[in-house]
């Protein structure tokens, strides 16, 4: 298993943004779209599309970066996605 962790932003079907962390981006996006369990927020807003992700050195770093991104405004998150 890889030591890399990722912070990601999903765009939900209703246009809202969801931020999370994972060590397997592809598997996690699939889970958001198809799993019976998982994030309640995205389960009600399917389908979701991966809009952004960035690698971090470990789970702790990913969680810290996630906290920073979650504090951003919607406009700031959209600018991050565009770059």
N, C-alpha and C. Protein backbone atom coordinates (compact mmCIF):
# COMPACT_ATOMS: atom_id res chain seq x y z
N UNK A 1 0.84 -1.18 0.00
CA UNK A 1 0.00 0.00 0.00
C UNK A 1 0.88 1.25 0.00
N UNK A 2 0.50 2.24 -0.72
CA UNK A 2 1.26 3.46 -0.86
C UNK A 2 1.21 4.31 0.40
N UNK A 3 2.30 5.07 0.64
CA UNK A 3 2.33 6.01 1.76
C UNK A 3 1.67 7.33 1.39
N UNK A 4 1.35 7.51 0.12
CA UNK A 4 0.75 8.76 -0.33
C UNK A 4 -0.72 8.84 0.05
N UNK A 5 -1.11 10.00 0.50
CA UNK A 5 -2.50 10.31 0.77
C UNK A 5 -2.88 11.50 -0.07
N UNK A 6 -4.14 11.67 -0.31
CA UNK A 6 -4.61 12.71 -1.21
C UNK A 6 -5.77 13.48 -0.59
N UNK A 7 -5.80 14.76 -0.90
CA UNK A 7 -6.95 15.60 -0.59
C UNK A 7 -7.68 15.77 -1.91
N UNK A 8 -9.00 15.66 -1.89
CA UNK A 8 -9.74 15.76 -3.14
C UNK A 8 -10.98 16.62 -2.97
N UNK A 9 -11.44 17.18 -4.07
CA UNK A 9 -12.68 17.94 -4.10
C UNK A 9 -13.57 17.31 -5.17
N UNK A 10 -14.80 17.01 -4.77
CA UNK A 10 -15.80 16.49 -5.69
C UNK A 10 -16.82 17.57 -6.00
N UNK A 11 -17.31 17.57 -7.22
CA UNK A 11 -18.45 18.41 -7.57
C UNK A 11 -19.66 17.48 -7.61
N UNK A 12 -20.64 17.78 -6.79
CA UNK A 12 -21.84 16.96 -6.69
C UNK A 12 -22.85 17.35 -7.77
N UNK A 13 -23.82 16.49 -8.00
CA UNK A 13 -24.83 16.71 -9.03
C UNK A 13 -25.60 18.01 -8.82
N UNK A 14 -25.73 18.46 -7.57
CA UNK A 14 -26.45 19.71 -7.30
C UNK A 14 -25.53 20.93 -7.35
N UNK A 15 -24.27 20.72 -7.75
CA UNK A 15 -23.32 21.83 -7.89
C UNK A 15 -22.52 22.15 -6.64
N UNK A 16 -22.82 21.48 -5.53
CA UNK A 16 -22.06 21.73 -4.31
C UNK A 16 -20.71 21.02 -4.39
N UNK A 17 -19.80 21.43 -3.51
CA UNK A 17 -18.46 20.86 -3.46
C UNK A 17 -18.27 20.07 -2.17
N UNK A 18 -17.57 18.96 -2.28
CA UNK A 18 -17.28 18.09 -1.13
C UNK A 18 -15.78 17.87 -1.09
N UNK A 19 -15.17 18.03 0.07
CA UNK A 19 -13.73 17.83 0.24
C UNK A 19 -13.48 16.66 1.16
N UNK A 20 -12.52 15.81 0.79
CA UNK A 20 -12.19 14.66 1.61
C UNK A 20 -10.75 14.24 1.44
N UNK A 21 -10.36 13.18 2.14
CA UNK A 21 -9.01 12.61 2.04
C UNK A 21 -9.11 11.11 1.78
N UNK A 22 -8.11 10.58 1.12
CA UNK A 22 -8.07 9.15 0.83
C UNK A 22 -6.64 8.74 0.47
N UNK A 23 -6.39 7.44 0.47
CA UNK A 23 -5.12 6.96 -0.05
C UNK A 23 -5.31 6.27 -1.39
N UNK A 24 -6.53 6.30 -1.92
CA UNK A 24 -6.83 5.73 -3.24
C UNK A 24 -7.97 6.54 -3.86
N UNK A 25 -7.61 7.54 -4.65
CA UNK A 25 -8.59 8.48 -5.20
C UNK A 25 -9.63 7.77 -6.07
N UNK A 26 -9.20 6.93 -6.97
CA UNK A 26 -10.13 6.26 -7.89
C UNK A 26 -11.15 5.42 -7.12
N UNK A 27 -10.67 4.64 -6.19
CA UNK A 27 -11.56 3.78 -5.39
C UNK A 27 -12.53 4.62 -4.56
N UNK A 28 -12.05 5.73 -4.02
CA UNK A 28 -12.91 6.57 -3.18
C UNK A 28 -14.01 7.25 -3.98
N UNK A 29 -13.68 7.74 -5.17
CA UNK A 29 -14.70 8.37 -6.01
C UNK A 29 -15.75 7.35 -6.40
N UNK A 30 -15.32 6.15 -6.73
CA UNK A 30 -16.24 5.07 -7.04
C UNK A 30 -17.16 4.79 -5.84
N UNK A 31 -16.60 4.78 -4.66
CA UNK A 31 -17.39 4.55 -3.45
C UNK A 31 -18.41 5.67 -3.24
N UNK A 32 -18.00 6.90 -3.49
CA UNK A 32 -18.94 8.03 -3.35
C UNK A 32 -20.12 7.86 -4.31
N UNK A 33 -19.87 7.31 -5.47
CA UNK A 33 -20.92 7.18 -6.48
C UNK A 33 -21.74 5.91 -6.37
N UNK A 34 -21.18 4.84 -5.81
CA UNK A 34 -21.86 3.55 -5.88
C UNK A 34 -22.09 2.83 -4.56
N UNK A 35 -21.31 3.14 -3.53
CA UNK A 35 -21.41 2.39 -2.28
C UNK A 35 -22.69 2.69 -1.52
N UNK A 36 -23.16 1.68 -0.83
CA UNK A 36 -24.35 1.86 0.02
C UNK A 36 -23.98 2.59 1.31
N UNK A 37 -22.73 2.46 1.71
CA UNK A 37 -22.24 3.17 2.89
C UNK A 37 -21.27 4.25 2.44
N UNK A 38 -20.87 5.09 3.35
CA UNK A 38 -19.93 6.14 2.99
C UNK A 38 -20.48 7.49 3.37
N UNK A 39 -20.02 8.50 2.66
CA UNK A 39 -20.40 9.88 3.00
C UNK A 39 -21.88 10.12 2.72
N UNK A 40 -22.61 10.41 3.76
CA UNK A 40 -24.04 10.68 3.65
C UNK A 40 -24.29 11.89 2.74
N UNK A 41 -23.41 12.88 2.83
CA UNK A 41 -23.57 14.10 2.03
C UNK A 41 -23.60 13.79 0.54
N UNK A 42 -22.62 13.02 0.07
CA UNK A 42 -22.55 12.75 -1.38
C UNK A 42 -23.55 11.70 -1.82
N UNK A 43 -23.94 10.82 -0.91
CA UNK A 43 -24.91 9.78 -1.26
C UNK A 43 -26.21 10.39 -1.77
N UNK A 44 -26.59 11.53 -1.21
CA UNK A 44 -27.83 12.21 -1.61
C UNK A 44 -27.63 13.16 -2.78
N UNK A 45 -26.38 13.26 -3.28
CA UNK A 45 -26.08 14.24 -4.33
C UNK A 45 -25.33 13.61 -5.51
N UNK A 46 -25.63 12.37 -5.79
CA UNK A 46 -24.98 11.65 -6.89
C UNK A 46 -25.56 12.04 -8.23
N UNK A 47 -24.78 11.89 -9.28
CA UNK A 47 -23.39 11.46 -9.30
C UNK A 47 -22.45 12.60 -8.90
N UNK A 48 -21.28 12.21 -8.42
CA UNK A 48 -20.24 13.17 -8.11
C UNK A 48 -19.11 13.01 -9.12
N UNK A 49 -18.39 14.09 -9.35
CA UNK A 49 -17.28 14.09 -10.30
C UNK A 49 -16.04 14.61 -9.58
N UNK A 50 -14.93 13.93 -9.78
CA UNK A 50 -13.66 14.38 -9.20
C UNK A 50 -13.25 15.67 -9.92
N UNK A 51 -13.10 16.75 -9.16
CA UNK A 51 -12.74 18.04 -9.75
C UNK A 51 -11.31 18.43 -9.45
N UNK A 52 -10.73 17.89 -8.37
CA UNK A 52 -9.40 18.30 -7.95
C UNK A 52 -8.85 17.27 -6.98
N UNK A 53 -7.54 17.06 -7.04
CA UNK A 53 -6.86 16.30 -5.99
C UNK A 53 -5.40 16.69 -5.94
N UNK A 54 -4.81 16.53 -4.78
CA UNK A 54 -3.39 16.80 -4.61
C UNK A 54 -2.81 15.79 -3.64
N UNK A 55 -1.59 15.38 -3.91
CA UNK A 55 -0.91 14.39 -3.07
C UNK A 55 -0.33 15.06 -1.83
N UNK A 56 -0.33 14.32 -0.75
CA UNK A 56 0.28 14.75 0.51
C UNK A 56 1.21 13.64 0.98
N UNK A 57 2.12 13.97 1.89
CA UNK A 57 3.14 13.01 2.31
C UNK A 57 2.63 11.93 3.25
N UNK A 58 1.48 12.13 3.84
CA UNK A 58 0.91 11.14 4.75
C UNK A 58 -0.49 11.53 5.15
N UNK A 59 -1.12 10.69 5.95
CA UNK A 59 -2.50 10.93 6.36
C UNK A 59 -2.63 12.22 7.17
N UNK A 60 -1.70 12.45 8.08
CA UNK A 60 -1.74 13.66 8.90
C UNK A 60 -1.67 14.93 8.06
N UNK A 61 -0.76 14.93 7.10
CA UNK A 61 -0.62 16.09 6.21
C UNK A 61 -1.88 16.29 5.38
N UNK A 62 -2.47 15.19 4.94
CA UNK A 62 -3.70 15.27 4.13
C UNK A 62 -4.84 15.84 4.97
N UNK A 63 -4.96 15.41 6.21
CA UNK A 63 -6.02 15.91 7.08
C UNK A 63 -5.84 17.40 7.38
N UNK A 64 -4.59 17.82 7.56
CA UNK A 64 -4.33 19.25 7.79
C UNK A 64 -4.69 20.07 6.57
N UNK A 65 -4.31 19.58 5.39
CA UNK A 65 -4.63 20.30 4.15
C UNK A 65 -6.14 20.32 3.91
N UNK A 66 -6.82 19.21 4.22
CA UNK A 66 -8.26 19.16 4.09
C UNK A 66 -8.92 20.25 4.94
N UNK A 67 -8.44 20.41 6.17
CA UNK A 67 -9.00 21.42 7.07
C UNK A 67 -8.83 22.82 6.49
N UNK A 68 -7.68 23.07 5.88
CA UNK A 68 -7.43 24.38 5.25
C UNK A 68 -8.39 24.60 4.08
N UNK A 69 -8.52 23.59 3.24
CA UNK A 69 -9.40 23.71 2.06
C UNK A 69 -10.86 23.90 2.49
N UNK A 70 -11.28 23.18 3.51
CA UNK A 70 -12.68 23.30 3.96
C UNK A 70 -13.01 24.70 4.47
N UNK A 71 -12.00 25.43 4.92
CA UNK A 71 -12.22 26.80 5.40
C UNK A 71 -12.27 27.82 4.26
N UNK A 72 -11.88 27.41 3.06
CA UNK A 72 -11.91 28.31 1.92
C UNK A 72 -13.35 28.61 1.51
N UNK A 73 -13.55 29.76 0.92
CA UNK A 73 -14.88 30.07 0.38
C UNK A 73 -15.11 29.24 -0.88
N UNK A 74 -16.32 29.20 -1.32
CA UNK A 74 -16.65 28.47 -2.55
C UNK A 74 -15.84 29.02 -3.73
N UNK A 75 -15.73 30.33 -3.82
CA UNK A 75 -14.97 30.95 -4.92
C UNK A 75 -13.50 30.55 -4.84
N UNK A 76 -12.94 30.54 -3.65
CA UNK A 76 -11.53 30.14 -3.48
C UNK A 76 -11.34 28.67 -3.87
N UNK A 77 -12.29 27.82 -3.53
CA UNK A 77 -12.20 26.41 -3.92
C UNK A 77 -12.29 26.27 -5.45
N UNK A 78 -13.16 27.05 -6.06
CA UNK A 78 -13.28 27.00 -7.52
C UNK A 78 -11.98 27.46 -8.19
N UNK A 79 -11.32 28.45 -7.63
CA UNK A 79 -10.03 28.91 -8.17
C UNK A 79 -8.98 27.81 -8.02
N UNK A 80 -8.99 27.11 -6.90
CA UNK A 80 -8.07 26.00 -6.67
C UNK A 80 -8.31 24.91 -7.72
N UNK A 81 -9.56 24.61 -7.97
CA UNK A 81 -9.91 23.59 -8.96
C UNK A 81 -9.41 23.97 -10.36
N UNK A 82 -9.51 25.24 -10.70
CA UNK A 82 -9.10 25.70 -12.04
C UNK A 82 -7.60 25.63 -12.27
N UNK A 83 -6.81 25.65 -11.18
CA UNK A 83 -5.35 25.66 -11.34
C UNK A 83 -4.75 24.33 -11.25
